[in-house]
């Protein structure tokens, strides 16, 4: 049972997240030759203010 953890900036709608979960599950199941039902995908929405790039919060970058 593979677990795929994806961290992304918050702000995407549920439709986008559902599509991401579906596509990742399909890709992993094909690569590992297992049913998609055995693939777990965890999405973590992180506020840009909690994500640093080069010492600066992403919320302060363009």
Protein backbone atom coordinates (compact mmCIF):
# COMPACT_ATOMS: atom_id res chain seq x y z
CA UNK A 1 0.00 0.00 0.00
CA UNK A 2 1.94 3.06 -1.19
CA UNK A 3 1.21 6.41 0.43
CA UNK A 4 1.84 9.52 -1.64
CA UNK A 5 2.18 12.75 0.32
CA UNK A 6 1.78 16.01 -1.60
CA UNK A 7 2.37 19.40 -0.03
CA UNK A 8 1.06 22.38 -1.95
CA UNK A 9 0.11 25.96 -1.39
CA UNK A 10 -3.45 26.35 -0.25
CA UNK A 11 -6.00 27.88 -2.58
CA UNK A 12 -6.92 25.13 -5.01
CA UNK A 13 -10.56 24.14 -5.21
CA UNK A 14 -11.93 20.68 -4.44
CA UNK A 15 -12.32 19.84 -8.13
CA UNK A 16 -8.59 20.40 -8.74
CA UNK A 17 -7.67 18.33 -5.69
CA UNK A 18 -9.96 15.48 -6.73
CA UNK A 19 -8.37 15.42 -10.19
CA UNK A 20 -4.88 15.43 -8.68
CA UNK A 21 -5.76 12.53 -6.37
CA UNK A 22 -7.24 10.58 -9.27
CA UNK A 23 -4.32 11.13 -11.65
CA UNK A 24 -1.66 10.38 -9.04
CA UNK A 25 -3.49 7.22 -8.00
CA UNK A 26 -3.71 6.03 -11.60
CA UNK A 27 -0.02 6.76 -12.28
CA UNK A 28 1.21 5.02 -9.14
CA UNK A 29 -1.03 2.01 -9.69
CA UNK A 30 0.25 1.61 -13.26
CA UNK A 31 3.89 1.99 -12.24
CA UNK A 32 3.61 -0.51 -9.41
CA UNK A 33 1.09 -2.79 -11.14
CA UNK A 34 -1.38 -2.61 -8.28
CA UNK A 35 -5.07 -1.63 -8.13
CA UNK A 36 -5.71 2.11 -7.61
CA UNK A 37 -7.66 1.17 -4.47
CA UNK A 38 -4.34 0.32 -2.83
CA UNK A 39 -2.90 3.81 -3.39
CA UNK A 40 -3.36 6.41 -0.66
CA UNK A 41 -2.87 10.09 -1.52
CA UNK A 42 -2.56 12.71 1.22
CA UNK A 43 -2.82 16.40 0.33
CA UNK A 44 -1.47 19.03 2.68
CA UNK A 45 -2.58 22.60 2.00
CA UNK A 46 0.09 24.89 3.39
CA UNK A 47 -0.49 28.64 3.68
CA UNK A 48 2.10 30.63 1.72
CA UNK A 49 3.00 32.41 4.95
CA UNK A 50 4.14 29.03 6.36
CA UNK A 51 6.34 28.18 3.37
CA UNK A 52 9.78 29.76 3.12
CA UNK A 53 11.86 30.24 0.00
CA UNK A 54 15.40 31.58 0.37
CA UNK A 55 14.60 32.80 3.88
CA UNK A 56 11.48 34.69 2.84
CA UNK A 57 7.85 33.59 3.33
CA UNK A 58 6.33 32.67 -0.03
CA UNK A 59 3.48 35.08 0.78
CA UNK A 60 5.98 37.95 0.45
CA UNK A 61 7.38 36.80 -2.89
CA UNK A 62 5.74 37.53 -6.23
